[in-house]
Amino acid sequence: MKPVVRVSILRCAPEHFAELRQMAAEADSVLRPGIEAMDGLLSFYFGADEATSSLTNVSLWTSLEAAKQLDTFQPMLDLGKPFIAKGATFERPIMNYATLWQLKGSASSGEAAA
């Protein structure tokens, strides 16, 4: 079975970006233990793009069911509220993509996978 790619995007006004990026960095210690313990997690990335005033988390899961665990992960739901209070908006629905094809770059294994 090919992995599911989950993408969640938060957007904000440029003047709030630095503060929200800092809040996201601080969320690591709250979110990491629970996410790492979830069944089916392959990888998880939280990123920031100042040019678009957006933050994203992108994760790779063994199945759609596994990816959807984040839909009800209470620490993440709770942490979203302060972001909204600062004017952030979350793109909804959260996107869960079926993998059509994938590559593994030289930094991971040096081989391409189909």
PDB file of N, CA and C in Angstrom:
ATOM      1  N   MET A   1       0.838  -1.179   0.000  1.00  0.00           N
ATOM      2  CA  MET A   1       0.000   0.000   0.000  1.00  0.00           C
ATOM      3  C   MET A   1       0.889   1.250   0.000  1.00  0.00           C
ATOM      4  N   LYS A   2       0.523   2.223  -0.804  1.00  0.00           N
ATOM      5  CA  LYS A   2       1.285   3.470  -0.871  1.00  0.00           C
ATOM      6  C   LYS A   2       0.832   4.408   0.242  1.00  0.00           C
ATOM      7  N   PRO A   3       1.739   5.246   0.721  1.00  0.00           N
ATOM      8  CA  PRO A   3       1.401   6.139   1.835  1.00  0.00           C
ATOM      9  C   PRO A   3       0.420   7.240   1.442  1.00  0.00           C
ATOM     10  N   VAL A   4      -0.204   7.809   2.469  1.00  0.00           N
ATOM     11  CA  VAL A   4      -1.097   8.957   2.340  1.00  0.00           C
ATOM     12  C   VAL A   4      -0.331  10.188   2.804  1.00  0.00           C
ATOM     13  N   VAL A   5      -0.407  11.261   2.004  1.00  0.00           N
ATOM     14  CA  VAL A   5       0.247  12.529   2.336  1.00  0.00           C
ATOM     15  C   VAL A   5      -0.823  13.475   2.878  1.00  0.00           C
ATOM     16  N   ARG A   6      -0.646  13.899   4.117  1.00  0.00           N
ATOM     17  CA  ARG A   6      -1.597  14.813   4.759  1.00  0.00           C
ATOM     18  C   ARG A   6      -0.991  16.212   4.773  1.00  0.00           C
ATOM     19  N   VAL A   7      -1.791  17.213   4.350  1.00  0.00           N
ATOM     20  CA  VAL A   7      -1.305  18.590   4.274  1.00  0.00           C
ATOM     21  C   VAL A   7      -2.307  19.504   4.971  1.00  0.00           C
ATOM     22  N   SER A   8      -1.827  20.228   5.964  1.00  0.00           N
ATOM     23  CA  SER A   8      -2.639  21.213   6.663  1.00  0.00           C
ATOM     24  C   SER A   8      -1.942  22.563   6.534  1.00  0.00           C
ATOM     25  N   ILE A   9      -2.695  23.593   6.133  1.00  0.00           N
ATOM     26  CA  ILE A   9      -2.112  24.907   5.868  1.00  0.00           C
ATOM     27  C   ILE A   9      -2.805  25.968   6.706  1.00  0.00           C
ATOM     28  N   LEU A  10      -2.012  26.817   7.318  1.00  0.00           N
ATOM     29  CA  LEU A  10      -2.475  27.970   8.087  1.00  0.00           C
ATOM     30  C   LEU A  10      -1.949  29.213   7.400  1.00  0.00           C
ATOM     31  N   ARG A  11      -2.792  30.208   7.240  1.00  0.00           N
ATOM     32  CA  ARG A  11      -2.384  31.475   6.638  1.00  0.00           C
ATOM     33  C   ARG A  11      -2.635  32.601   7.630  1.00  0.00           C
ATOM     34  N   CYS A  12      -1.811  33.647   7.526  1.00  0.00           N
ATOM     35  CA  CYS A  12      -1.967  34.785   8.437  1.00  0.00           C
ATOM     36  C   CYS A  12      -1.509  36.064   7.746  1.00  0.00           C
ATOM     37  N   ALA A  13      -1.821  37.185   8.381  1.00  0.00           N
ATOM     38  CA  ALA A  13      -1.344  38.474   7.880  1.00  0.00           C
ATOM     39  C   ALA A  13       0.168  38.543   8.080  1.00  0.00           C
ATOM     40  N   PRO A  14       0.884  39.164   7.156  1.00  0.00           N
ATOM     41  CA  PRO A  14       2.344  39.237   7.263  1.00  0.00           C
ATOM     42  C   PRO A  14       2.823  39.785   8.608  1.00  0.00           C
ATOM     43  N   GLU A  15       2.106  40.739   9.169  1.00  0.00           N
ATOM     44  CA  GLU A  15       2.558  41.331  10.428  1.00  0.00           C
ATOM     45  C   GLU A  15       2.436  40.376  11.616  1.00  0.00           C
ATOM     46  N   HIS A  16       1.721  39.266  11.457  1.00  0.00           N
ATOM     47  CA  HIS A  16       1.585  38.276  12.533  1.00  0.00           C
ATOM     48  C   HIS A  16       2.453  37.040  12.311  1.00  0.00           C
ATOM     49  N   PHE A  17       3.093  36.967  11.148  1.00  0.00           N
ATOM     50  CA  PHE A  17       3.810  35.748  10.784  1.00  0.00           C
ATOM     51  C   PHE A  17       4.891  35.368  11.792  1.00  0.00           C
ATOM     52  N   ALA A  18       5.747  36.286  12.186  1.00  0.00           N
ATOM     53  CA  ALA A  18       6.856  35.949  13.093  1.00  0.00           C
ATOM     54  C   ALA A  18       6.339  35.393  14.418  1.00  0.00           C
ATOM     55  N   GLU A  19       5.295  36.005  14.938  1.00  0.00           N
ATOM     56  CA  GLU A  19       4.728  35.533  16.204  1.00  0.00           C
ATOM     57  C   GLU A  19       4.124  34.138  16.054  1.00  0.00           C
ATOM     58  N   LEU A  20       3.403  33.904  14.970  1.00  0.00           N
ATOM     59  CA  LEU A  20       2.791  32.599  14.757  1.00  0.00           C
ATOM     60  C   LEU A  20       3.842  31.534  14.470  1.00  0.00           C
ATOM     61  N   ARG A  21       4.893  31.894  13.767  1.00  0.00           N
ATOM     62  CA  ARG A  21       5.999  30.941  13.534  1.00  0.00           C
ATOM     63  C   ARG A  21       6.608  30.535  14.860  1.00  0.00           C
ATOM     64  N   GLN A  22       6.802  31.499  15.765  1.00  0.00           N
ATOM     65  CA  GLN A  22       7.349  31.189  17.087  1.00  0.00           C
ATOM     66  C   GLN A  22       6.392  30.289  17.872  1.00  0.00           C
ATOM     67  N   MET A  23       5.111  30.579  17.807  1.00  0.00           N
ATOM     68  CA  MET A  23       4.120  29.734  18.481  1.00  0.00           C
ATOM     69  C   MET A  23       4.167  28.308  17.943  1.00  0.00           C
ATOM     70  N   ALA A  24       4.348  28.161  16.639  1.00  0.00           N
ATOM     71  CA  ALA A  24       4.427  26.834  16.024  1.00  0.00           C
ATOM     72  C   ALA A  24       5.678  26.100  16.502  1.00  0.00           C
ATOM     73  N   ALA A  25       6.784  26.807  16.591  1.00  0.00           N
ATOM     74  CA  ALA A  25       8.017  26.182  17.073  1.00  0.00           C
ATOM     75  C   ALA A  25       7.845  25.687  18.505  1.00  0.00           C
ATOM     76  N   GLU A  26       7.172  26.477  19.315  1.00  0.00           N
ATOM     77  CA  GLU A  26       6.954  26.100  20.710  1.00  0.00           C
ATOM     78  C   GLU A  26       5.957  24.944  20.849  1.00  0.00           C
ATOM     79  N   ALA A  27       5.130  24.727  19.859  1.00  0.00           N
ATOM     80  CA  ALA A  27       4.148  23.641  19.893  1.00  0.00           C
ATOM     81  C   ALA A  27       4.804  22.268  19.776  1.00  0.00           C
ATOM     82  N   ASP A  28       6.026  22.218  19.305  1.00  0.00           N
ATOM     83  CA  ASP A  28       6.731  20.953  19.117  1.00  0.00           C
ATOM     84  C   ASP A  28       6.689  20.091  20.372  1.00  0.00           C
ATOM     85  N   SER A  29       7.032  20.648  21.505  1.00  0.00           N
ATOM     86  CA  SER A  29       7.119  19.856  22.734  1.00  0.00           C
ATOM     87  C   SER A  29       5.752  19.335  23.185  1.00  0.00           C
ATOM     88  N   VAL A  30       4.692  20.032  22.814  1.00  0.00           N
ATOM     89  CA  VAL A  30       3.345  19.608  23.181  1.00  0.00           C
ATOM     90  C   VAL A  30       2.830  18.535  22.220  1.00  0.00           C
ATOM     91  N   LEU A  31       3.096  18.713  20.932  1.00  0.00           N
ATOM     92  CA  LEU A  31       2.543  17.822  19.916  1.00  0.00           C
ATOM     93  C   LEU A  31       3.368  16.570  19.649  1.00  0.00           C
ATOM     94  N   ARG A  32       4.676  16.706  19.688  1.00  0.00           N
ATOM     95  CA  ARG A  32       5.561  15.612  19.273  1.00  0.00           C
ATOM     96  C   ARG A  32       5.275  14.274  19.955  1.00  0.00           C
ATOM     97  N   PRO A  33       5.193  14.202  21.285  1.00  0.00           N
ATOM     98  CA  PRO A  33       5.017  12.881  21.906  1.00  0.00           C
ATOM     99  C   PRO A  33       3.768  12.138  21.429  1.00  0.00           C
ATOM    100  N   GLY A  34       2.656  12.842  21.331  1.00  0.00           N
ATOM    101  CA  GLY A  34       1.424  12.196  20.894  1.00  0.00           C
ATOM    102  C   GLY A  34       1.443  11.795  19.439  1.00  0.00           C
ATOM    103  N   ILE A  35       1.986  12.652  18.594  1.00  0.00           N
ATOM    104  CA  ILE A  35       2.044  12.332  17.165  1.00  0.00           C
ATOM    105  C   ILE A  35       2.993  11.164  16.923  1.00  0.00           C
ATOM    106  N   GLU A  36       4.143  11.188  17.573  1.00  0.00           N
ATOM    107  CA  GLU A  36       5.098  10.087  17.386  1.00  0.00           C
ATOM    108  C   GLU A  36       4.530   8.745  17.834  1.00  0.00           C
ATOM    109  N   ALA A  37       3.602   8.755  18.769  1.00  0.00           N
ATOM    110  CA  ALA A  37       3.010   7.512  19.277  1.00  0.00           C
ATOM    111  C   ALA A  37       1.875   6.989  18.393  1.00  0.00           C
ATOM    112  N   MET A  38       1.448   7.765  17.403  1.00  0.00           N
ATOM    113  CA  MET A  38       0.317   7.349  16.572  1.00  0.00           C
ATOM    114  C   MET A  38       0.693   6.210  15.630  1.00  0.00           C
ATOM    115  N   ASP A  39      -0.233   5.264  15.519  1.00  0.00           N
ATOM    116  CA  ASP A  39      -0.044   4.158  14.589  1.00  0.00           C
ATOM    117  C   ASP A  39      -0.018   4.674  13.162  1.00  0.00           C
ATOM    118  N   GLY A  40       0.899   4.157  12.379  1.00  0.00           N
ATOM    119  CA  GLY A  40       0.933   4.464  10.953  1.00  0.00           C
ATOM    120  C   GLY A  40       1.711   5.700  10.552  1.00  0.00           C
ATOM    121  N   LEU A  41       2.289   6.419  11.511  1.00  0.00           N
ATOM    122  CA  LEU A  41       3.078   7.600  11.155  1.00  0.00           C
ATOM    123  C   LEU A  41       4.386   7.177  10.491  1.00  0.00           C
ATOM    124  N   LEU A  42       4.644   7.753   9.323  1.00  0.00           N
ATOM    125  CA  LEU A  42       5.913   7.521   8.641  1.00  0.00           C
ATOM    126  C   LEU A  42       6.850   8.708   8.806  1.00  0.00           C
ATOM    127  N   SER A  43       6.324   9.928   8.684  1.00  0.00           N
ATOM    128  CA  SER A  43       7.127  11.137   8.903  1.00  0.00           C
ATOM    129  C   SER A  43       6.194  12.324   9.071  1.00  0.00           C
ATOM    130  N   PHE A  44       6.730  13.380   9.686  1.00  0.00           N
ATOM    131  CA  PHE A  44       5.934  14.566   9.977  1.00  0.00           C
ATOM    132  C   PHE A  44       6.846  15.775   9.894  1.00  0.00           C
ATOM    133  N   TYR A  45       6.402  16.804   9.201  1.00  0.00           N
ATOM    134  CA  TYR A  45       7.173  18.037   9.049  1.00  0.00           C
ATOM    135  C   TYR A  45       6.266  19.227   9.334  1.00  0.00           C
ATOM    136  N   PHE A  46       6.792  20.193  10.066  1.00  0.00           N
ATOM    137  CA  PHE A  46       6.077  21.453  10.287  1.00  0.00           C
ATOM    138  C   PHE A  46       6.947  22.527   9.677  1.00  0.00           C
ATOM    139  N   GLY A  47       6.418  23.298   8.749  1.00  0.00           N
ATOM    140  CA  GLY A  47       7.226  24.278   8.041  1.00  0.00           C
ATOM    141  C   GLY A  47       6.597  25.656   8.031  1.00  0.00           C
ATOM    142  N   ALA A  48       7.418  26.639   7.691  1.00  0.00           N
ATOM    143  CA  ALA A  48       6.996  28.034   7.647  1.00  0.00           C
ATOM    144  C   ALA A  48       7.516  28.669   6.369  1.00  0.00           C
ATOM    145  N   ASP A  49       6.673  29.467   5.717  1.00  0.00           N
ATOM    146  CA  ASP A  49       7.057  30.180   4.507  1.00  0.00           C
ATOM    147  C   ASP A  49       6.715  31.652   4.689  1.00  0.00           C
ATOM    148  N   GLU A  50       7.724  32.437   4.968  1.00  0.00           N
ATOM    149  CA  GLU A  50       7.514  33.867   5.212  1.00  0.00           C
ATOM    150  C   GLU A  50       6.967  34.579   3.972  1.00  0.00           C
ATOM    151  N   ALA A  51       7.379  34.142   2.785  1.00  0.00           N
ATOM    152  CA  ALA A  51       6.948  34.806   1.550  1.00  0.00           C
ATOM    153  C   ALA A  51       5.432  34.738   1.363  1.00  0.00           C
ATOM    154  N   THR A  52       4.798  33.681   1.870  1.00  0.00           N
ATOM    155  CA  THR A  52       3.349  33.536   1.734  1.00  0.00           C
ATOM    156  C   THR A  52       2.622  33.687   3.069  1.00  0.00           C
ATOM    157  N   SER A  53       3.357  34.046   4.114  1.00  0.00           N
ATOM    158  CA  SER A  53       2.783  34.174   5.459  1.00  0.00           C
ATOM    159  C   SER A  53       1.952  32.943   5.807  1.00  0.00           C
ATOM    160  N   SER A  54       2.575  31.784   5.619  1.00  0.00           N
ATOM    161  CA  SER A  54       1.849  30.549   5.892  1.00  0.00           C
ATOM    162  C   SER A  54       2.716  29.554   6.655  1.00  0.00           C
ATOM    163  N   LEU A  55       2.036  28.716   7.384  1.00  0.00           N
ATOM    164  CA  LEU A  55       2.647  27.609   8.109  1.00  0.00           C
ATOM    165  C   LEU A  55       1.959  26.348   7.622  1.00  0.00           C
ATOM    166  N   THR A  56       2.675  25.253   7.616  1.00  0.00           N
ATOM    167  CA  THR A  56       2.070  24.006   7.173  1.00  0.00           C
ATOM    168  C   THR A  56       2.621  22.838   7.959  1.00  0.00           C
ATOM    169  N   ASN A  57       1.798  21.823   8.103  1.00  0.00           N
ATOM    170  CA  ASN A  57       2.356  20.549   8.508  1.00  0.00           C
ATOM    171  C   ASN A  57       1.993  19.543   7.438  1.00  0.00           C
ATOM    172  N   VAL A  58       2.997  18.795   7.072  1.00  0.00           N
ATOM    173  CA  VAL A  58       2.885  17.774   6.044  1.00  0.00           C
ATOM    174  C   VAL A  58       3.347  16.479   6.684  1.00  0.00           C
ATOM    175  N   SER A  59       2.528  15.468   6.570  1.00  0.00           N
ATOM    176  CA  SER A  59       2.898  14.197   7.185  1.00  0.00           C
ATOM    177  C   SER A  59       2.604  13.057   6.234  1.00  0.00           C
ATOM    178  N   LEU A  60       3.288  11.968   6.458  1.00  0.00           N
ATOM    179  CA  LEU A  60       3.175  10.773   5.633  1.00  0.00           C
ATOM    180  C   LEU A  60       2.695   9.645   6.531  1.00  0.00           C
ATOM    181  N   TRP A  61       1.642   8.949   6.080  1.00  0.00           N
ATOM    182  CA  TRP A  61       0.978   7.920   6.875  1.00  0.00           C
ATOM    183  C   TRP A  61       0.803   6.649   6.067  1.00  0.00           C
ATOM    184  N   THR A  62       0.660   5.543   6.752  1.00  0.00           N
ATOM    185  CA  THR A  62       0.490   4.256   6.073  1.00  0.00           C
ATOM    186  C   THR A  62      -0.896   4.102   5.451  1.00  0.00           C
ATOM    187  N   SER A  63      -1.878   4.868   5.936  1.00  0.00           N
ATOM    188  CA  SER A  63      -3.244   4.745   5.422  1.00  0.00           C
ATOM    189  C   SER A  63      -4.023   6.027   5.712  1.00  0.00           C
ATOM    190  N   LEU A  64      -5.168   6.163   5.047  1.00  0.00           N
ATOM    191  CA  LEU A  64      -6.039   7.303   5.308  1.00  0.00           C
ATOM    192  C   LEU A  64      -6.543   7.268   6.749  1.00  0.00           C
ATOM    193  N   GLU A  65      -6.892   6.098   7.223  1.00  0.00           N
ATOM    194  CA  GLU A  65      -7.358   5.954   8.610  1.00  0.00           C
ATOM    195  C   GLU A  65      -6.287   6.453   9.585  1.00  0.00           C
ATOM    196  N   ALA A  66      -5.047   6.101   9.337  1.00  0.00           N
ATOM    197  CA  ALA A  66      -3.953   6.552  10.210  1.00  0.00           C
ATOM    198  C   ALA A  66      -3.808   8.077  10.148  1.00  0.00           C
ATOM    199  N   ALA A  67      -3.868   8.644   8.946  1.00  0.00           N
ATOM    200  CA  ALA A  67      -3.726  10.093   8.783  1.00  0.00           C
ATOM    201  C   ALA A  67      -4.830  10.844   9.519  1.00  0.00           C
ATOM    202  N   LYS A  68      -6.024  10.296   9.510  1.00  0.00           N
ATOM    203  CA  LYS A  68      -7.167  10.977  10.110  1.00  0.00           C
ATOM    204  C   LYS A  68      -7.131  10.973  11.637  1.00  0.00           C
ATOM    205  N   GLN A  69      -6.151  10.294  12.239  1.00  0.00           N
ATOM    206  CA  GLN A  69      -6.005  10.376  13.688  1.00  0.00           C
ATOM    207  C   GLN A  69      -5.787  11.825  14.132  1.00  0.00           C
ATOM    208  N   LEU A  70      -5.144  12.618  13.269  1.00  0.00           N
ATOM    209  CA  LEU A  70      -4.889  14.020  13.614  1.00  0.00           C
ATOM    210  C   LEU A  70      -6.173  14.842  13.677  1.00  0.00           C
ATOM    211  N   ASP A  71      -7.242  14.373  13.023  1.00  0.00           N
ATOM    212  CA  ASP A  71      -8.516  15.096  13.055  1.00  0.00           C
ATOM    213  C   ASP A  71      -9.070  15.220  14.466  1.00  0.00           C
ATOM    214  N   THR A  72      -8.742  14.257  15.314  1.00  0.00           N
ATOM    215  CA  THR A  72      -9.284  14.235  16.673  1.00  0.00           C
ATOM    216  C   THR A  72      -8.200  14.309  17.742  1.00  0.00           C
ATOM    217  N   PHE A  73      -6.992  14.659  17.358  1.00  0.00           N
ATOM    218  CA  PHE A  73      -5.879  14.756  18.310  1.00  0.00           C
ATOM    219  C   PHE A  73      -6.054  16.040  19.118  1.00  0.00           C
ATOM    220  N   GLN A  74      -6.540  15.891  20.338  1.00  0.00           N
ATOM    221  CA  GLN A  74      -6.959  17.037  21.140  1.00  0.00           C
ATOM    222  C   GLN A  74      -5.862  18.081  21.357  1.00  0.00           C
ATOM    223  N   PRO A  75      -4.604  17.706  21.622  1.00  0.00           N
ATOM    224  CA  PRO A  75      -3.586  18.748  21.784  1.00  0.00           C
ATOM    225  C   PRO A  75      -3.445  19.645  20.555  1.00  0.00           C
ATOM    226  N   MET A  76      -3.583  19.078  19.359  1.00  0.00           N
ATOM    227  CA  MET A  76      -3.492  19.890  18.149  1.00  0.00           C
ATOM    228  C   MET A  76      -4.721  20.781  18.007  1.00  0.00           C
ATOM    229  N   LEU A  77      -5.886  20.238  18.306  1.00  0.00           N
ATOM    230  CA  LEU A  77      -7.115  21.034  18.239  1.00  0.00           C
ATOM    231  C   LEU A  77      -7.048  22.193  19.230  1.00  0.00           C
ATOM    232  N   ASP A  78      -6.557  21.920  20.425  1.00  0.00           N
ATOM    233  CA  ASP A  78      -6.435  22.972  21.445  1.00  0.00           C
ATOM    234  C   ASP A  78      -5.437  24.046  21.034  1.00  0.00           C
ATOM    235  N   LEU A  79      -4.323  23.643  20.427  1.00  0.00           N
ATOM    236  CA  LEU A  79      -3.302  24.611  20.020  1.00  0.00           C
ATOM    237  C   LEU A  79      -3.756  25.474  18.844  1.00  0.00           C
ATOM    238  N   GLY A  80      -4.730  25.023  18.101  1.00  0.00           N
ATOM    239  CA  GLY A  80      -5.231  25.822  16.987  1.00  0.00           C
ATOM    240  C   GLY A  80      -5.955  27.074  17.446  1.00  0.00           C
ATOM    241  N   LYS A  81      -6.561  27.024  18.613  1.00  0.00           N
ATOM    242  CA  LYS A  81      -7.361  28.149  19.103  1.00  0.00           C
ATOM    243  C   LYS A  81      -6.548  29.433  19.283  1.00  0.00           C
ATOM    244  N   PRO A  82      -5.360  29.399  19.891  1.00  0.00           N
ATOM    245  CA  PRO A  82      -4.576  30.638  20.005  1.00  0.00           C
ATOM    246  C   PRO A  82      -4.141  31.198  18.638  1.00  0.00           C
ATOM    247  N   PHE A  83      -3.926  30.320  17.662  1.00  0.00           N
ATOM    248  CA  PHE A  83      -3.572  30.790  16.319  1.00  0.00           C
ATOM    249  C   PHE A  83      -4.750  31.543  15.709  1.00  0.00           C
ATOM    250  N   ILE A  84      -5.939  30.995  15.860  1.00  0.00           N
ATOM    251  CA  ILE A  84      -7.144  31.652  15.344  1.00  0.00           C
ATOM    252  C   ILE A  84      -7.356  32.988  16.056  1.00  0.00           C
ATOM    253  N   ALA A  85      -7.105  33.011  17.358  1.00  0.00           N
ATOM    254  CA  ALA A  85      -7.259  34.248  18.127  1.00  0.00           C
ATOM    255  C   ALA A  85      -6.317  35.348  17.626  1.00  0.00           C
ATOM    256  N   LYS A  86      -5.198  34.950  17.022  1.00  0.00           N
ATOM    257  CA  LYS A  86      -4.231  35.916  16.464  1.00  0.00           C
ATOM    258  C   LYS A  86      -4.538  36.242  15.008  1.00  0.00           C
ATOM    259  N   GLY A  87      -5.690  35.773  14.502  1.00  0.00           N
ATOM    260  CA  GLY A  87      -6.098  36.113  13.144  1.00  0.00           C
ATOM    261  C   GLY A  87      -5.734  35.102  12.076  1.00  0.00           C
ATOM    262  N   ALA A  88      -5.182  33.976  12.461  1.00  0.00           N
ATOM    263  CA  ALA A  88      -4.825  32.954  11.480  1.00  0.00           C
ATOM    264  C   ALA A  88      -6.076  32.267  10.957  1.00  0.00           C
ATOM    265  N   THR A  89      -5.991  31.778   9.736  1.00  0.00           N
ATOM    266  CA  THR A  89      -7.060  30.961   9.168  1.00  0.00           C
ATOM    267  C   THR A  89      -6.461  29.637   8.711  1.00  0.00           C
ATOM    268  N   PHE A  90      -7.203  28.591   8.925  1.00  0.00           N
ATOM    269  CA  PHE A  90      -6.791  27.259   8.498  1.00  0.00           C
ATOM    270  C   PHE A  90      -7.572  26.889   7.251  1.00  0.00           C
ATOM    271  N   GLU A  91      -6.881  26.395   6.244  1.00  0.00           N
ATOM    272  CA  GLU A  91      -7.571  25.921   5.043  1.00  0.00           C
ATOM    273  C   GLU A  91      -8.311  24.642   5.406  1.00  0.00           C
ATOM    274  N   ARG A  92      -9.564  24.608   5.036  1.00  0.00           N
ATOM    275  CA  ARG A  92     -10.395  23.442   5.297  1.00  0.00           C
ATOM    276  C   ARG A  92     -11.108  23.051   4.022  1.00  0.00           C
ATOM    277  N   PRO A  93     -11.294  21.793   3.759  1.00  0.00           N
ATOM    278  CA  PRO A  93     -10.889  20.687   4.614  1.00  0.00           C
ATOM    279  C   PRO A  93      -9.392  20.438   4.545  1.00  0.00           C
ATOM    280  N   ILE A  94      -8.874  19.752   5.559  1.00  0.00           N
ATOM    281  CA  ILE A  94      -7.484  19.306   5.516  1.00  0.00           C
ATOM    282  C   ILE A  94      -7.379  18.271   4.403  1.00  0.00           C
ATOM    283  N   MET A  95      -6.283  18.322   3.672  1.00  0.00           N
ATOM    284  CA  MET A  95      -6.116  17.473   2.501  1.00  0.00           C
ATOM    285  C   MET A  95      -5.349  16.195   2.853  1.00  0.00           C
ATOM    286  N   ASN A  96      -5.880  15.075   2.403  1.00  0.00           N
ATOM    287  CA  ASN A  96      -5.244  13.767   2.556  1.00  0.00           C
ATOM    288  C   ASN A  96      -5.111  13.173   1.162  1.00  0.00           C
ATOM    289  N   TYR A  97      -3.899  13.139   0.664  1.00  0.00           N
ATOM    290  CA  TYR A  97      -3.654  12.748  -0.722  1.00  0.00           C
ATOM    291  C   TYR A  97      -3.219  11.287  -0.828  1.00  0.00           C
ATOM    292  N   ALA A  98      -3.852  10.561  -1.728  1.00  0.00           N
ATOM    293  CA  ALA A  98      -3.373   9.232  -2.088  1.00  0.00           C
ATOM    294  C   ALA A  98      -2.102   9.417  -2.916  1.00  0.00           C
ATOM    295  N   THR A  99      -1.095   8.637  -2.630  1.00  0.00           N
ATOM    296  CA  THR A  99       0.169   8.737  -3.361  1.00  0.00           C
ATOM    297  C   THR A  99       0.014   8.138  -4.757  1.00  0.00           C
ATOM    298  N   LEU A 100       0.369   8.918  -5.768  1.00  0.00           N
ATOM    299  CA  LEU A 100       0.357   8.428  -7.144  1.00  0.00           C
ATOM    300  C   LEU A 100       1.723   7.878  -7.526  1.00  0.00           C
ATOM    301  N   TRP A 101       2.773   8.551  -7.088  1.00  0.00           N
ATOM    302  CA  TRP A 101       4.141   8.077  -7.270  1.00  0.00           C
ATOM    303  C   TRP A 101       5.027   8.810  -6.283  1.00  0.00           C
ATOM    304  N   GLN A 102       6.233   8.316  -6.084  1.00  0.00           N
ATOM    305  CA  GLN A 102       7.129   8.935  -5.125  1.00  0.00           C
ATOM    306  C   GLN A 102       8.572   8.782  -5.559  1.00  0.00           C
ATOM    307  N   LEU A 103       9.403   9.643  -5.009  1.00  0.00           N
ATOM    308  CA  LEU A 103      10.850   9.592  -5.206  1.00  0.00           C
ATOM    309  C   LEU A 103      11.505   9.565  -3.841  1.00  0.00           C
ATOM    310  N   LYS A 104      12.638   8.940  -3.762  1.00  0.00           N
ATOM    311  CA  LYS A 104      13.475   9.024  -2.575  1.00  0.00           C
ATOM    312  C   LYS A 104      14.791   9.616  -3.039  1.00  0.00           C
ATOM    313  N   GLY A 105      15.113  10.786  -2.519  1.00  0.00           N
ATOM    314  CA  GLY A 105      16.293  11.496  -2.975  1.00  0.00           C
ATOM    315  C   GLY A 105      17.586  10.927  -2.440  1.00  0.00           C
ATOM    316  N   SER A 106      18.682  11.451  -2.945  1.00  0.00           N
ATOM    317  CA  SER A 106      19.998  10.970  -2.556  1.00  0.00           C
ATOM    318  C   SER A 106      20.279  11.190  -1.073  1.00  0.00           C
ATOM    319  N   ALA A 107      19.623  12.168  -0.458  1.00  0.00           N
ATOM    320  CA  ALA A 107      19.846  12.418   0.973  1.00  0.00           C
ATOM    321  C   ALA A 107      19.274  11.297   1.825  1.00  0.00           C
ATOM    322  N   SER A 108      18.285  10.547   1.306  1.00  0.00           N
ATOM    323  CA  SER A 108      17.690   9.480   2.119  1.00  0.00           C
ATOM    324  C   SER A 108      18.255   8.113   1.784  1.00  0.00           C
ATOM    325  N   SER A 109      18.359   7.793   0.511  1.00  0.00           N
ATOM    326  CA  SER A 109      18.833   6.437   0.179  1.00  0.00           C
ATOM    327  C   SER A 109      19.637   6.373  -1.117  1.00  0.00           C
ATOM    328  N   GLY A 110      19.553   7.433  -1.916  1.00  0.00           N
ATOM    329  CA  GLY A 110      20.271   7.417  -3.174  1.00  0.00           C
ATOM    330  C   GLY A 110      19.552   6.690  -4.292  1.00  0.00           C
ATOM    331  N   GLU A 111      18.350   6.190  -4.004  1.00  0.00           N
ATOM    332  CA  GLU A 111      17.609   5.430  -5.016  1.00  0.00           C
ATOM    333  C   GLU A 111      16.235   6.045  -5.248  1.00  0.00           C
ATOM    334  N   ALA A 112      15.730   5.879  -6.444  1.00  0.00           N
ATOM    335  CA  ALA A 112      14.364   6.293  -6.758  1.00  0.00           C
ATOM    336  C   ALA A 112      13.448   5.097  -6.532  1.00  0.00           C
ATOM    337  N   ALA A 113      12.227   5.370  -6.100  1.00  0.00           N
ATOM    338  CA  ALA A 113      11.238   4.298  -5.895  1.00  0.00           C
ATOM    339  C   ALA A 113      10.009   4.620  -6.732  1.00  0.00           C
ATOM    340  N   ALA A 114       9.380   3.582  -7.245  1.00  0.00           N
ATOM    341  CA  ALA A 114       8.188   3.778  -8.068  1.00  0.00           C
ATOM    342  C   ALA A 114       6.926   3.689  -7.261  1.00  0.00           C
TER     343      ALA A 114
END
